[in-house]
Amino acid sequence: MSRLPSQRGRSGRPLRVLVIGAGVSGVSVARGLLRDGHDVTVFDQRADTRAGGGAITIWSNGETVLRQLGVDMDGAGQPLSSVRLLTSKGHRVATLDVDAMVRRLGAAVRMIPRRVLLERLLTDFPADRIRCNARAAQVITMPDGVAVGFEDGSVVDGDLLIGADGLHSVIRDVVGAPAAEPTGWCSWQGLVSLPEIAERKTAFLVIGSAGNTGLWPAGGANAQWWFDLPWSHDFIRPQRPIEAIRSTFAGWSDAVDLVLAKLTDDDLAQSPYPHFRHPVPAPLSAGPVTLLGDAAHTMPPTFAQGTNQALLDTMVLCKAISGLDGGSSRTELSRALRSYEKTRRRQVSVVSRVASLQVSHRESVLRPAALLPDRVHTWILTHFVRMTSHPRMAAQIDRGLAAASPIRRCAP
């Protein structure tokens, strides 16, 4: 079991931080700020912090930040060894060597149910730091800080406000950042129990001209499945969506047919999920207010980087304000937040553009990619993840945490 380590003592009053949103993004940044000695309170409009949804991919960049946050990931989800890309006609495009990527980047790649990840993040997290049934309604910036007004009439003030409240962020609206735009695609997705799958460490992605589908082991017998199809605002949901899905994807691969045989309309009840992309905002001019995670940069799930980018936000933001406390001036705090936003903007913009690229293609378009050796595909992905993940900063933080206070673990 991990403990929240204290990176260092502080000389003045702790910085009072208000975090809106108790999902993965909000709890992650709260853990980091508590680790660094700040006074943090997280607010969420939901009645509790239980997470829904399916599974998410934690790449090596996200795993590195979780390690910095003292999150014990042992036995969580399913570590992956390879990702196999196929065409809808069964032709192999590439097999990515995830083990080689892990050796190069120094952290695992795993598929994990969102519920399990949030449970791990909340381990040893002080329960009194989270307030549920608190829907933010307005933000008031003041000469000496910021205040949030909630729908129940209560008002809470602090030194810094972080909007980590997702795609439909109230805080993003307040600071005037542009709204997310649909990409024209959607995902039908969920978790399914598939004990029949023999390759528990291999993920599959199948690409065709009409859409794409994936099956990624998520721990135990669980597997995350998805079917991506075109979507528009005038989309009419079919009465029998499983029939529509089968008519497009049946015969694409044995694994796909296995999933299609298992699914019913009930499994598709919460789908589809339209894909959105935020224009990544320039540094804000909102004083002691900033955005993090999907509230700052929602992107399509194509590259499976949304959660990882939120974790990188946490790392950079915590580093940016690490030298500040309650006695710091408004100018100093605003300068630190704008530095965080500027630092993240370039990397996030690159990742968002890649995630928004068209994935579905005809067989002829995919054929040239199949001519490249697997090691080249693996190198490209590894290099991309490394170069967009602030490797120097991550190494510096790892060294600082190791020197200050190693993460303590108690016996199970």
Protein backbone atom coordinates (compact mmCIF):
# COMPACT_ATOMS: atom_id res chain seq x y z
CA MET A 1 0.00 0.00 0.00
CA SER A 2 1.45 3.39 -0.97
CA ARG A 3 1.61 6.50 1.18
CA LEU A 4 1.46 10.07 -0.03
CA PRO A 5 5.07 11.19 0.43
CA SER A 6 5.86 14.75 1.47
CA GLN A 7 8.33 16.19 -1.00
CA ARG A 8 9.53 18.98 1.32
CA GLY A 9 8.49 21.24 4.13
CA ARG A 10 7.13 24.74 3.45
CA SER A 11 8.17 27.95 5.11
CA GLY A 12 4.87 29.87 4.84
CA ARG A 13 1.13 29.23 4.82
CA PRO A 14 0.30 26.41 2.38
CA LEU A 15 -1.17 27.40 -0.94
CA ARG A 16 -4.94 26.84 -0.76
CA VAL A 17 -5.95 25.01 -3.93
CA LEU A 18 -9.51 24.34 -5.13
CA VAL A 19 -9.88 21.51 -7.66
CA ILE A 20 -13.17 21.12 -9.54
CA GLY A 21 -13.69 17.51 -10.60
CA ALA A 22 -12.96 14.29 -8.69
CA GLY A 23 -12.25 12.05 -11.65
CA VAL A 24 -8.84 10.70 -12.57
CA SER A 25 -7.54 14.16 -13.55
CA GLY A 26 -8.74 15.97 -10.44
CA VAL A 27 -7.64 13.33 -7.94
CA SER A 28 -4.25 12.98 -9.67
CA VAL A 29 -3.40 16.66 -9.42
CA ALA A 30 -4.73 16.77 -5.85
CA ARG A 31 -2.40 13.90 -4.89
CA GLY A 32 0.54 15.73 -6.40
CA LEU A 33 -0.28 18.99 -4.66
CA LEU A 34 -0.82 17.28 -1.30
CA ARG A 35 2.51 15.52 -1.78
CA ASP A 36 4.11 18.94 -2.21
CA GLY A 37 2.58 20.35 0.98
CA HIS A 38 -0.29 22.40 -0.42
CA ASP A 39 -3.77 22.65 1.14
CA VAL A 40 -6.08 21.02 -1.41
CA THR A 41 -9.85 20.49 -1.56
CA VAL A 42 -11.57 18.65 -4.43
CA PHE A 43 -15.20 19.33 -5.37
CA ASP A 44 -17.43 17.15 -7.55
CA GLN A 45 -21.03 17.45 -8.66
CA ARG A 46 -21.63 13.70 -8.32
CA ALA A 47 -22.98 12.02 -5.19
CA ASP A 48 -19.81 9.88 -4.86
CA THR A 49 -16.45 9.30 -6.50
CA ARG A 50 -17.18 5.95 -8.12
CA ALA A 51 -16.02 5.82 -11.73
CA GLY A 52 -18.02 4.36 -14.57
CA GLY A 53 -17.02 3.61 -18.12
CA GLY A 54 -14.72 0.97 -19.48
CA ALA A 55 -10.95 0.62 -19.45
CA ILE A 56 -8.20 3.04 -20.42
CA THR A 57 -4.65 2.63 -21.65
CA ILE A 58 -1.85 3.88 -19.42
CA TRP A 59 1.23 4.31 -21.58
CA SER A 60 4.72 4.62 -20.12
CA ASN A 61 4.43 8.41 -19.82
CA GLY A 62 1.32 8.13 -17.64
CA GLU A 63 2.77 5.24 -15.62
CA THR A 64 5.79 7.40 -14.81
CA VAL A 65 3.60 10.13 -13.33
CA LEU A 66 1.58 7.60 -11.32
CA ARG A 67 4.84 6.36 -9.83
CA GLN A 68 5.75 9.93 -8.89
CA LEU A 69 2.36 10.30 -7.21
CA GLY A 70 2.99 7.25 -5.03
CA VAL A 71 0.23 5.18 -6.68
CA ASP A 72 0.74 1.43 -6.30
CA MET A 73 -0.06 -0.11 -9.69
CA ASP A 74 1.09 -3.65 -8.87
CA GLY A 75 -1.49 -6.13 -10.13
CA ALA A 76 -3.71 -3.40 -11.61
CA GLY A 77 -5.24 -4.09 -15.01
CA GLN A 78 -3.29 -5.94 -17.68
CA PRO A 79 0.30 -5.07 -18.64
CA LEU A 80 0.70 -5.32 -22.42
CA SER A 81 3.57 -6.84 -24.41
CA SER A 82 2.48 -6.12 -27.97
CA VAL A 83 -0.11 -4.37 -30.12
CA ARG A 84 -1.12 -6.09 -33.36
CA LEU A 85 -2.51 -3.99 -36.23
CA LEU A 86 -4.56 -5.76 -38.91
CA THR A 87 -6.73 -4.76 -41.85
CA SER A 88 -10.40 -5.66 -42.06
CA LYS A 89 -9.43 -8.32 -44.63
CA GLY A 90 -7.07 -10.01 -42.19
CA HIS A 91 -3.78 -8.69 -43.55
CA ARG A 92 -1.11 -7.77 -40.99
CA VAL A 93 0.03 -4.14 -40.91
CA ALA A 94 2.42 -4.21 -37.95
CA THR A 95 3.12 -5.67 -34.53
CA LEU A 96 4.34 -3.08 -32.06
CA ASP A 97 6.85 -4.45 -29.55
CA VAL A 98 5.52 -2.90 -26.35
CA ASP A 99 8.11 -4.75 -24.26
CA ALA A 100 10.87 -2.92 -26.16
CA MET A 101 9.05 0.35 -25.60
CA VAL A 102 8.81 -0.36 -21.87
CA ARG A 103 12.54 -1.12 -21.68
CA ARG A 104 13.35 2.15 -23.45
CA LEU A 105 11.00 4.35 -21.42
CA GLY A 106 11.36 2.62 -18.07
CA ALA A 107 7.68 2.17 -17.23
CA ALA A 108 4.95 -0.35 -18.06
CA VAL A 109 2.11 -0.05 -20.56
CA ARG A 110 -1.17 -1.40 -19.24
CA MET A 111 -4.90 -1.51 -19.88
CA ILE A 112 -6.88 -0.84 -16.71
CA PRO A 113 -10.57 -0.32 -15.92
CA ARG A 114 -11.16 3.34 -15.09
CA ARG A 115 -12.83 2.24 -11.86
CA VAL A 116 -9.69 0.40 -10.74
CA LEU A 117 -7.40 3.30 -11.60
CA LEU A 118 -9.49 5.75 -9.59
CA GLU A 119 -9.54 3.31 -6.66
CA ARG A 120 -5.74 3.15 -6.73
CA LEU A 121 -5.51 6.95 -6.88
CA LEU A 122 -7.82 7.24 -3.87
CA THR A 123 -5.82 4.77 -1.76
CA ASP A 124 -4.60 6.71 1.31
CA PHE A 125 -6.16 9.87 -0.11
CA PRO A 126 -7.72 11.82 2.79
CA ALA A 127 -11.50 11.48 2.42
CA ASP A 128 -12.17 14.86 4.01
CA ARG A 129 -10.39 16.50 1.08
CA ILE A 130 -13.24 15.58 -1.32
CA ARG A 131 -16.67 17.23 -1.23
CA CYS A 132 -19.39 15.65 -3.36
CA ASN A 133 -22.77 17.07 -4.41
CA ALA A 134 -20.97 20.34 -5.12
CA ARG A 135 -21.81 21.70 -8.58
CA ALA A 136 -19.77 24.82 -9.45
CA ALA A 137 -21.85 27.69 -10.81
CA GLN A 138 -19.58 30.73 -10.90
CA VAL A 139 -16.00 31.85 -10.40
CA ILE A 140 -15.03 35.13 -8.78
CA THR A 141 -11.45 36.35 -9.08
CA MET A 142 -10.32 38.71 -6.33
CA PRO A 143 -7.17 40.76 -5.67
CA ASP A 144 -6.02 38.19 -3.10
CA GLY A 145 -7.30 34.95 -4.62
CA VAL A 146 -10.31 33.27 -6.20
CA ALA A 147 -13.72 32.07 -5.04
CA VAL A 148 -16.13 29.46 -6.41
CA GLY A 149 -19.87 29.77 -5.98
CA PHE A 150 -21.84 26.52 -5.96
CA GLU A 151 -25.45 25.87 -6.95
CA ASP A 152 -26.46 25.31 -3.33
CA GLY A 153 -25.48 28.90 -2.53
CA SER A 154 -22.20 28.12 -0.75
CA VAL A 155 -18.98 29.93 -1.61
CA VAL A 156 -15.44 28.67 -1.08
CA ASP A 157 -12.31 30.78 -1.54
CA GLY A 158 -8.70 29.86 -2.17
CA ASP A 159 -5.46 30.99 -3.75
CA LEU A 160 -5.71 28.86 -6.89
CA LEU A 161 -8.52 27.19 -8.86
CA ILE A 162 -7.96 24.20 -11.15
CA GLY A 163 -10.69 23.15 -13.56
CA ALA A 164 -10.41 19.37 -13.97
CA ASP A 165 -14.10 18.87 -14.71
CA GLY A 166 -13.89 17.17 -18.08
CA LEU A 167 -15.29 17.72 -21.56
CA HIS A 168 -18.24 19.84 -20.41
CA SER A 169 -16.12 21.90 -18.02
CA VAL A 170 -17.88 24.71 -16.18
CA ILE A 171 -14.51 26.31 -15.46
CA ARG A 172 -13.51 26.23 -19.14
CA ASP A 173 -16.71 28.12 -19.96
CA VAL A 174 -16.00 30.67 -17.23
CA VAL A 175 -12.52 31.50 -18.51
CA GLY A 176 -13.80 31.81 -22.07
CA ALA A 177 -11.78 29.04 -23.71
CA PRO A 178 -13.33 27.78 -26.98
CA ALA A 179 -15.77 24.89 -26.83
CA ALA A 180 -14.98 21.39 -28.07
CA GLU A 181 -15.91 20.47 -31.62
CA PRO A 182 -17.10 17.04 -32.85
CA THR A 183 -14.70 15.18 -35.15
CA GLY A 184 -17.37 13.29 -37.09
CA TRP A 185 -16.71 9.94 -35.39
CA CYS A 186 -18.01 8.06 -32.38
CA SER A 187 -17.19 4.94 -30.36
CA TRP A 188 -19.46 2.11 -29.31
CA GLN A 189 -17.46 0.65 -26.44
CA GLY A 190 -17.37 -1.19 -23.14
CA LEU A 191 -15.91 -4.04 -21.13
CA VAL A 192 -16.72 -7.69 -21.72
CA SER A 193 -15.65 -10.94 -20.05
CA LEU A 194 -13.74 -13.04 -22.60
CA PRO A 195 -11.99 -15.94 -20.87
CA GLU A 196 -11.61 -17.55 -24.32
CA ILE A 197 -8.85 -15.12 -25.33
CA ALA A 198 -5.50 -16.89 -25.04
CA GLU A 199 -3.20 -13.93 -25.71
CA ARG A 200 -3.77 -11.90 -22.54
CA LYS A 201 -0.85 -9.52 -23.17
CA THR A 202 -1.59 -8.73 -26.82
CA ALA A 203 -3.90 -5.93 -27.92
CA PHE A 204 -5.60 -5.92 -31.32
CA LEU A 205 -6.51 -3.01 -33.58
CA VAL A 206 -8.33 -3.76 -36.85
CA ILE A 207 -8.65 -1.03 -39.48
CA GLY A 208 -11.02 -0.92 -42.42
CA SER A 209 -12.49 1.62 -44.82
CA ALA A 210 -15.83 1.77 -42.95
CA GLY A 211 -14.44 2.13 -39.42
CA ASN A 212 -12.05 0.52 -36.98
CA THR A 213 -12.30 -1.75 -33.96
CA GLY A 214 -10.10 -2.84 -31.10
CA LEU A 215 -9.90 -5.49 -28.41
CA TRP A 216 -7.48 -4.81 -25.54
CA PRO A 217 -7.12 -7.13 -22.50
CA ALA A 218 -7.90 -5.21 -19.29
CA GLY A 219 -7.06 -7.67 -16.50
CA GLY A 220 -8.44 -11.10 -15.61
CA ALA A 221 -11.01 -12.18 -18.16
CA ASN A 222 -11.96 -8.55 -18.94
CA ALA A 223 -11.31 -6.97 -22.30
CA GLN A 224 -12.06 -3.48 -23.59
CA TRP A 225 -13.79 -3.49 -26.96
CA TRP A 226 -14.73 -0.63 -29.23
CA PHE A 227 -16.18 -0.01 -32.66
CA ASP A 228 -15.55 3.38 -34.24
CA LEU A 229 -18.01 4.62 -36.85
CA PRO A 230 -18.93 7.96 -38.48
CA TRP A 231 -21.22 10.25 -36.46
CA SER A 232 -23.00 13.55 -37.04
CA HIS A 233 -25.34 15.85 -35.11
CA ASP A 234 -28.36 14.39 -36.94
CA PHE A 235 -27.37 10.85 -35.92
CA ILE A 236 -30.40 8.63 -35.23
CA ARG A 237 -29.67 5.76 -32.90
CA PRO A 238 -30.76 2.41 -34.39
CA GLN A 239 -33.35 0.44 -32.43
CA ARG A 240 -31.12 -2.65 -32.64
CA PRO A 241 -27.58 -1.20 -32.58
CA ILE A 242 -25.91 -4.60 -32.27
CA GLU A 243 -27.32 -5.55 -35.68
CA ALA A 244 -25.88 -2.37 -37.20
CA ILE A 245 -22.49 -3.05 -35.62
CA ARG A 246 -22.47 -6.66 -36.82
CA SER A 247 -23.39 -5.65 -40.36
CA THR A 248 -20.22 -3.52 -40.54
CA PHE A 249 -17.65 -5.50 -38.57
CA ALA A 250 -18.60 -9.19 -38.85
CA GLY A 251 -15.82 -11.25 -40.42
CA TRP A 252 -13.04 -8.74 -39.73
CA SER A 253 -11.19 -11.21 -37.48
CA ASP A 254 -11.85 -14.18 -35.22
CA ALA A 255 -11.45 -11.97 -32.14
CA VAL A 256 -13.92 -9.41 -33.50
CA ASP A 257 -16.45 -12.13 -34.28
CA LEU A 258 -16.02 -13.49 -30.74
CA VAL A 259 -16.87 -10.07 -29.28
CA LEU A 260 -19.82 -9.59 -31.62
CA ALA A 261 -21.24 -12.96 -30.58
CA LYS A 262 -21.04 -11.95 -26.91
CA LEU A 263 -22.57 -8.48 -27.14
CA THR A 264 -26.24 -7.63 -26.88
CA ASP A 265 -28.13 -4.36 -27.23
CA ASP A 266 -27.89 -4.00 -23.45
CA ASP A 267 -24.08 -3.85 -23.74
CA LEU A 268 -24.49 -0.91 -26.12
CA ALA A 269 -27.00 0.98 -23.96
CA GLN A 270 -24.58 3.77 -22.98
CA SER A 271 -23.06 4.11 -26.46
CA PRO A 272 -22.22 5.76 -28.73
CA TYR A 273 -19.72 8.27 -27.40
CA PRO A 274 -19.10 11.03 -29.98
CA HIS A 275 -15.47 12.08 -30.39
CA PHE A 276 -14.67 15.71 -29.58
CA ARG A 277 -11.56 17.81 -29.83
CA HIS A 278 -10.83 21.03 -27.97
CA PRO A 279 -8.82 23.75 -29.64
CA VAL A 280 -5.91 23.82 -27.18
CA PRO A 281 -6.13 27.31 -25.65
CA ALA A 282 -3.27 29.78 -25.57
CA PRO A 283 -2.09 30.70 -22.05
CA LEU A 284 -5.11 32.04 -20.19
CA SER A 285 -5.48 35.52 -18.75
CA ALA A 286 -7.67 34.41 -15.85
CA GLY A 287 -5.28 35.13 -12.99
CA PRO A 288 -5.22 32.30 -10.42
CA VAL A 289 -7.30 29.91 -12.58
CA THR A 290 -6.13 27.14 -14.91
CA LEU A 291 -7.40 24.01 -16.67
CA LEU A 292 -6.21 20.41 -16.64
CA GLY A 293 -7.01 17.17 -18.47
CA ASP A 294 -10.10 16.96 -20.67
CA ALA A 295 -11.22 20.37 -19.42
CA ALA A 296 -8.15 21.79 -21.16
CA HIS A 297 -7.72 19.50 -24.17
CA THR A 298 -10.32 16.84 -24.89
CA MET A 299 -9.11 14.76 -27.82
CA PRO A 300 -10.37 11.69 -29.70
CA PRO A 301 -9.52 8.32 -28.08
CA THR A 302 -7.77 7.11 -31.23
CA PHE A 303 -4.27 7.35 -29.77
CA ALA A 304 -5.42 6.43 -26.22
CA GLN A 305 -3.56 9.40 -24.74
CA GLY A 306 -6.31 11.40 -22.97
CA THR A 307 -5.63 10.14 -19.44
CA ASN A 308 -1.87 10.13 -20.00
CA GLN A 309 -1.93 13.77 -21.08
CA ALA A 310 -3.92 14.65 -17.94
CA LEU A 311 -1.26 12.94 -15.83
CA LEU A 312 1.46 14.90 -17.63
CA ASP A 313 -0.52 18.08 -16.89
CA THR A 314 -0.34 17.10 -13.22
CA MET A 315 3.42 16.66 -13.36
CA VAL A 316 4.08 19.99 -15.08
CA LEU A 317 1.59 21.99 -12.98
CA CYS A 318 2.97 20.65 -9.70
CA LYS A 319 6.49 21.51 -10.85
CA ALA A 320 5.45 25.01 -11.94
CA ILE A 321 4.03 25.98 -8.54
CA SER A 322 6.40 23.95 -6.37
CA GLY A 323 8.18 27.05 -5.05
CA LEU A 324 5.03 28.96 -4.13
CA ASP A 325 3.03 29.17 -0.92
CA GLY A 326 0.20 31.23 0.53
CA GLY A 327 2.49 34.21 0.85
CA SER A 328 3.29 34.33 -2.86
CA SER A 329 1.93 37.31 -4.77
CA ARG A 330 -0.87 37.06 -7.31
CA THR A 331 1.64 38.01 -10.00
CA GLU A 332 3.97 35.16 -9.04
CA LEU A 333 1.12 32.62 -9.07
CA SER A 334 -0.26 33.85 -12.37
CA ARG A 335 3.21 33.71 -13.92
CA ALA A 336 3.64 30.10 -12.74
CA LEU A 337 0.27 29.05 -14.17
CA ARG A 338 0.96 30.69 -17.52
CA SER A 339 4.33 28.91 -17.60
CA TYR A 340 2.55 25.57 -17.02
CA GLU A 341 0.05 26.30 -19.80
CA LYS A 342 2.75 27.39 -22.23
CA THR A 343 4.91 24.35 -21.43
CA ARG A 344 2.07 21.92 -22.03
CA ARG A 345 0.51 23.64 -25.04
CA ARG A 346 3.05 22.57 -27.65
CA GLN A 347 3.19 18.90 -26.61
CA VAL A 348 -0.57 18.60 -26.14
CA SER A 349 -1.25 20.24 -29.51
CA VAL A 350 0.98 17.70 -31.26
CA VAL A 351 -0.65 14.75 -29.50
CA SER A 352 -4.13 16.11 -30.20
CA ARG A 353 -3.38 16.51 -33.91
CA VAL A 354 -2.08 12.94 -34.15
CA ALA A 355 -5.11 11.61 -32.23
CA SER A 356 -7.39 13.42 -34.69
CA LEU A 357 -5.87 11.88 -37.81
CA GLN A 358 -8.11 9.70 -39.92
CA VAL A 359 -7.59 6.07 -38.85
CA SER A 360 -10.05 4.24 -41.10
CA HIS A 361 -8.54 3.63 -44.54
CA ARG A 362 -8.86 1.41 -47.58
CA GLU A 363 -6.56 -1.59 -47.84
CA SER A 364 -4.49 0.12 -50.52
CA VAL A 365 -3.70 3.07 -48.25
CA LEU A 366 -2.50 0.77 -45.45
CA ARG A 367 -0.31 -1.37 -47.70
CA PRO A 368 2.79 0.91 -47.63
CA ALA A 369 2.79 0.91 -43.81
CA ALA A 370 2.89 -2.90 -43.86
CA LEU A 371 6.20 -2.73 -45.77
CA LEU A 372 7.98 -1.10 -42.80
CA PRO A 373 9.72 -3.45 -40.35
CA ASP A 374 8.02 -3.82 -36.96
CA ARG A 375 11.05 -2.33 -35.24
CA VAL A 376 10.53 0.90 -37.20
CA HIS A 377 6.88 1.14 -36.15
CA THR A 378 7.91 0.51 -32.55
CA TRP A 379 10.70 3.10 -32.72
CA ILE A 380 8.35 5.77 -34.14
CA LEU A 381 5.79 5.28 -31.39
CA THR A 382 8.42 5.12 -28.64
CA HIS A 383 10.14 8.28 -29.88
CA PHE A 384 6.83 10.13 -30.18
CA VAL A 385 5.73 9.23 -26.64
CA ARG A 386 9.11 10.15 -25.19
CA MET A 387 9.45 13.49 -26.98
CA THR A 388 5.95 14.65 -26.00
CA SER A 389 6.30 13.69 -22.32
CA HIS A 390 8.84 16.19 -20.91
CA PRO A 391 11.48 13.49 -20.26
CA ARG A 392 14.02 15.83 -18.66
CA MET A 393 11.46 17.22 -16.23
CA ALA A 394 10.23 13.72 -15.37
CA ALA A 395 13.79 12.55 -14.64
CA GLN A 396 14.44 15.63 -12.49
CA ILE A 397 11.27 15.05 -10.45
CA ASP A 398 12.10 11.36 -10.01
CA ARG A 399 15.54 12.27 -8.66
CA GLY A 400 14.10 14.93 -6.36
CA LEU A 401 11.46 12.62 -4.89
CA ALA A 402 13.99 9.83 -4.36
CA ALA A 403 16.33 12.19 -2.52
CA ALA A 404 13.61 13.85 -0.43
CA SER A 405 11.43 11.00 0.75
CA PRO A 406 11.16 7.59 -0.90
CA ILE A 407 7.68 6.15 -1.21
CA ARG A 408 6.96 3.98 1.80
CA ARG A 409 5.08 0.73 1.39
CA CYS A 410 3.44 -1.27 4.14
CA ALA A 411 3.02 -5.02 4.10
CA PRO A 412 -0.25 -6.26 2.61
